[in-house]
Amino acid sequence: MIDCGMCGHTFTQAEGAACRGGCPMSGRCGMVSCPSCGYEFPAHSKLVALVSRLVRRSPRQLEVAS
């Protein structure tokens, strides 16, 4: 499930297919569009994924990695 950062609507990847007929990237850009408000954004942010992985690590894992 994907949450829209603009309006907070929750939707699936299929519902958020962003590319329209006039898009030059033709569906390969990785963007999704909120079906509620139309806001387009990347489906997955690499920065958010990195921070999420770091937060989920236990303190023991962080000591071993250092």
N, C-alpha and C. Protein backbone atom coordinates (compact mmCIF):
# COMPACT_ATOMS: atom_id res chain seq x y z
N MET A 1 0.83 -1.17 0.00
CA MET A 1 0.00 0.00 0.00
C MET A 1 0.88 1.25 0.00
N ILE A 2 0.42 2.26 -0.66
CA ILE A 2 1.15 3.52 -0.79
C ILE A 2 0.29 4.63 -0.18
N ASP A 3 0.92 5.50 0.58
CA ASP A 3 0.22 6.66 1.16
C ASP A 3 0.62 7.91 0.39
N CYS A 4 -0.37 8.70 0.00
CA CYS A 4 -0.11 9.96 -0.69
C CYS A 4 0.44 10.98 0.32
N GLY A 5 1.54 11.62 -0.03
CA GLY A 5 2.12 12.62 0.84
C GLY A 5 1.35 13.93 0.83
N MET A 6 0.49 14.12 -0.14
CA MET A 6 -0.27 15.37 -0.25
C MET A 6 -1.60 15.29 0.52
N CYS A 7 -2.39 14.25 0.24
CA CYS A 7 -3.72 14.19 0.86
C CYS A 7 -3.88 13.06 1.88
N GLY A 8 -2.92 12.12 1.93
CA GLY A 8 -2.99 11.04 2.90
C GLY A 8 -3.78 9.82 2.45
N HIS A 9 -4.32 9.84 1.23
CA HIS A 9 -5.09 8.72 0.70
C HIS A 9 -4.18 7.49 0.55
N THR A 10 -4.67 6.32 0.93
CA THR A 10 -3.92 5.07 0.80
C THR A 10 -4.46 4.31 -0.41
N PHE A 11 -3.53 3.83 -1.25
CA PHE A 11 -3.92 3.13 -2.47
C PHE A 11 -2.87 2.10 -2.86
N THR A 12 -3.20 1.23 -3.80
CA THR A 12 -2.27 0.20 -4.27
C THR A 12 -1.45 0.73 -5.44
N GLN A 13 -0.37 0.01 -5.76
CA GLN A 13 0.49 0.38 -6.89
C GLN A 13 -0.32 0.38 -8.19
N ALA A 14 -1.23 -0.59 -8.34
CA ALA A 14 -2.04 -0.67 -9.56
C ALA A 14 -2.97 0.53 -9.68
N GLU A 15 -3.53 0.98 -8.58
CA GLU A 15 -4.42 2.14 -8.61
C GLU A 15 -3.66 3.42 -8.92
N GLY A 16 -2.36 3.45 -8.59
CA GLY A 16 -1.57 4.66 -8.75
C GLY A 16 -0.72 4.69 -9.99
N ALA A 17 -1.06 3.93 -11.01
CA ALA A 17 -0.30 3.95 -12.25
C ALA A 17 -0.26 5.38 -12.78
N ALA A 18 0.94 5.99 -12.79
CA ALA A 18 1.06 7.43 -13.04
C ALA A 18 1.08 7.82 -14.50
N CYS A 19 1.71 7.05 -15.33
CA CYS A 19 1.93 7.51 -16.69
C CYS A 19 0.64 7.61 -17.48
N ARG A 20 0.48 8.73 -18.06
CA ARG A 20 -0.67 9.00 -18.91
C ARG A 20 -0.24 8.80 -20.37
N GLY A 21 -1.13 8.94 -21.28
CA GLY A 21 -0.83 8.74 -22.69
C GLY A 21 0.25 9.66 -23.22
N GLY A 22 0.37 10.88 -22.69
CA GLY A 22 1.33 11.84 -23.19
C GLY A 22 2.68 11.80 -22.50
N CYS A 23 2.88 10.87 -21.60
CA CYS A 23 4.13 10.80 -20.85
C CYS A 23 5.25 10.25 -21.74
N PRO A 24 6.37 10.98 -21.88
CA PRO A 24 7.46 10.50 -22.73
C PRO A 24 8.19 9.30 -22.14
N MET A 25 8.09 9.08 -20.84
CA MET A 25 8.77 7.94 -20.23
C MET A 25 7.97 6.64 -20.43
N SER A 26 6.72 6.73 -20.78
CA SER A 26 5.86 5.61 -21.11
C SER A 26 5.84 4.51 -20.05
N GLY A 27 5.67 4.88 -18.79
CA GLY A 27 5.49 3.91 -17.73
C GLY A 27 6.75 3.39 -17.08
N ARG A 28 7.92 3.83 -17.50
CA ARG A 28 9.17 3.31 -16.94
C ARG A 28 9.81 4.26 -15.94
N CYS A 29 9.11 5.28 -15.52
CA CYS A 29 9.72 6.29 -14.66
C CYS A 29 9.63 5.95 -13.17
N GLY A 30 8.78 5.02 -12.77
CA GLY A 30 8.64 4.65 -11.37
C GLY A 30 7.77 5.60 -10.56
N MET A 31 7.08 6.50 -11.21
CA MET A 31 6.21 7.44 -10.52
C MET A 31 4.82 6.82 -10.35
N VAL A 32 4.15 7.22 -9.28
CA VAL A 32 2.76 6.85 -9.07
C VAL A 32 1.95 8.12 -8.92
N SER A 33 0.67 8.02 -9.18
CA SER A 33 -0.22 9.17 -9.09
C SER A 33 -1.37 8.83 -8.16
N CYS A 34 -1.62 9.69 -7.19
CA CYS A 34 -2.71 9.47 -6.25
C CYS A 34 -4.04 9.54 -7.00
N PRO A 35 -4.86 8.49 -6.90
CA PRO A 35 -6.15 8.53 -7.60
C PRO A 35 -7.12 9.54 -6.99
N SER A 36 -6.86 9.99 -5.77
CA SER A 36 -7.75 10.93 -5.11
C SER A 36 -7.46 12.38 -5.51
N CYS A 37 -6.17 12.79 -5.44
CA CYS A 37 -5.85 14.20 -5.70
C CYS A 37 -5.00 14.42 -6.96
N GLY A 38 -4.44 13.34 -7.54
CA GLY A 38 -3.65 13.47 -8.76
C GLY A 38 -2.18 13.80 -8.55
N TYR A 39 -1.74 13.91 -7.30
CA TYR A 39 -0.34 14.22 -6.99
C TYR A 39 0.56 13.07 -7.44
N GLU A 40 1.63 13.38 -8.20
CA GLU A 40 2.56 12.37 -8.69
C GLU A 40 3.84 12.41 -7.86
N PHE A 41 4.34 11.23 -7.49
CA PHE A 41 5.55 11.13 -6.68
C PHE A 41 6.18 9.76 -6.91
N PRO A 42 7.48 9.61 -6.56
CA PRO A 42 8.12 8.29 -6.71
C PRO A 42 7.49 7.29 -5.74
N ALA A 43 7.31 6.08 -6.19
CA ALA A 43 6.68 5.06 -5.36
C ALA A 43 7.53 4.74 -4.14
N HIS A 44 8.83 4.67 -4.33
CA HIS A 44 9.73 4.32 -3.23
C HIS A 44 10.90 5.28 -3.22
N SER A 45 11.11 5.92 -2.12
CA SER A 45 12.24 6.82 -1.97
C SER A 45 13.43 6.05 -1.43
N LYS A 46 14.58 6.14 -2.09
CA LYS A 46 15.77 5.43 -1.62
C LYS A 46 16.23 5.96 -0.28
N LEU A 47 16.10 7.26 -0.06
CA LEU A 47 16.49 7.84 1.22
C LEU A 47 15.61 7.34 2.35
N VAL A 48 14.32 7.28 2.13
CA VAL A 48 13.40 6.79 3.16
C VAL A 48 13.67 5.32 3.44
N ALA A 49 13.95 4.53 2.42
CA ALA A 49 14.25 3.12 2.62
C ALA A 49 15.52 2.94 3.45
N LEU A 50 16.54 3.75 3.19
CA LEU A 50 17.79 3.67 3.95
C LEU A 50 17.55 4.01 5.42
N VAL A 51 16.87 5.10 5.69
CA VAL A 51 16.59 5.50 7.07
C VAL A 51 15.74 4.44 7.77
N SER A 52 14.77 3.88 7.09
CA SER A 52 13.93 2.84 7.68
C SER A 52 14.75 1.62 8.06
N ARG A 53 15.68 1.22 7.20
CA ARG A 53 16.54 0.07 7.52
C ARG A 53 17.41 0.37 8.73
N LEU A 54 17.95 1.58 8.82
CA LEU A 54 18.80 1.94 9.95
C LEU A 54 18.02 1.97 11.26
N VAL A 55 16.80 2.47 11.21
CA VAL A 55 15.97 2.57 12.41
C VAL A 55 15.56 1.18 12.90
N ARG A 56 15.32 0.26 11.98
CA ARG A 56 14.88 -1.09 12.35
C ARG A 56 16.01 -1.93 12.93
N ARG A 57 17.26 -1.56 12.69
CA ARG A 57 18.38 -2.33 13.23
C ARG A 57 18.42 -2.20 14.74
N SER A 58 18.77 -3.30 15.38
CA SER A 58 18.91 -3.25 16.83
C SER A 58 20.24 -2.60 17.19
N PRO A 59 20.40 -2.08 18.42
CA PRO A 59 21.67 -1.48 18.83
C PRO A 59 22.84 -2.46 18.70
N ARG A 60 22.61 -3.74 18.91
CA ARG A 60 23.67 -4.75 18.80
C ARG A 60 24.17 -4.83 17.36
N GLN A 61 23.30 -4.79 16.38
CA GLN A 61 23.70 -4.83 14.98
C GLN A 61 24.52 -3.61 14.61
N LEU A 62 24.18 -2.47 15.15
CA LEU A 62 24.93 -1.24 14.85
C LEU A 62 26.34 -1.31 15.44
N GLU A 63 26.50 -1.92 16.64
CA GLU A 63 27.83 -2.05 17.26
C GLU A 63 28.71 -2.97 16.45
N VAL A 64 28.16 -4.08 15.95
CA VAL A 64 28.92 -5.05 15.16
C VAL A 64 29.34 -4.42 13.84
N ALA A 65 28.47 -3.63 13.23
CA ALA A 65 28.76 -3.02 11.94
C ALA A 65 29.85 -1.94 12.04
N SER A 66 30.02 -1.35 13.19
CA SER A 66 30.99 -0.25 13.36
C SER A 66 32.40 -0.74 13.45
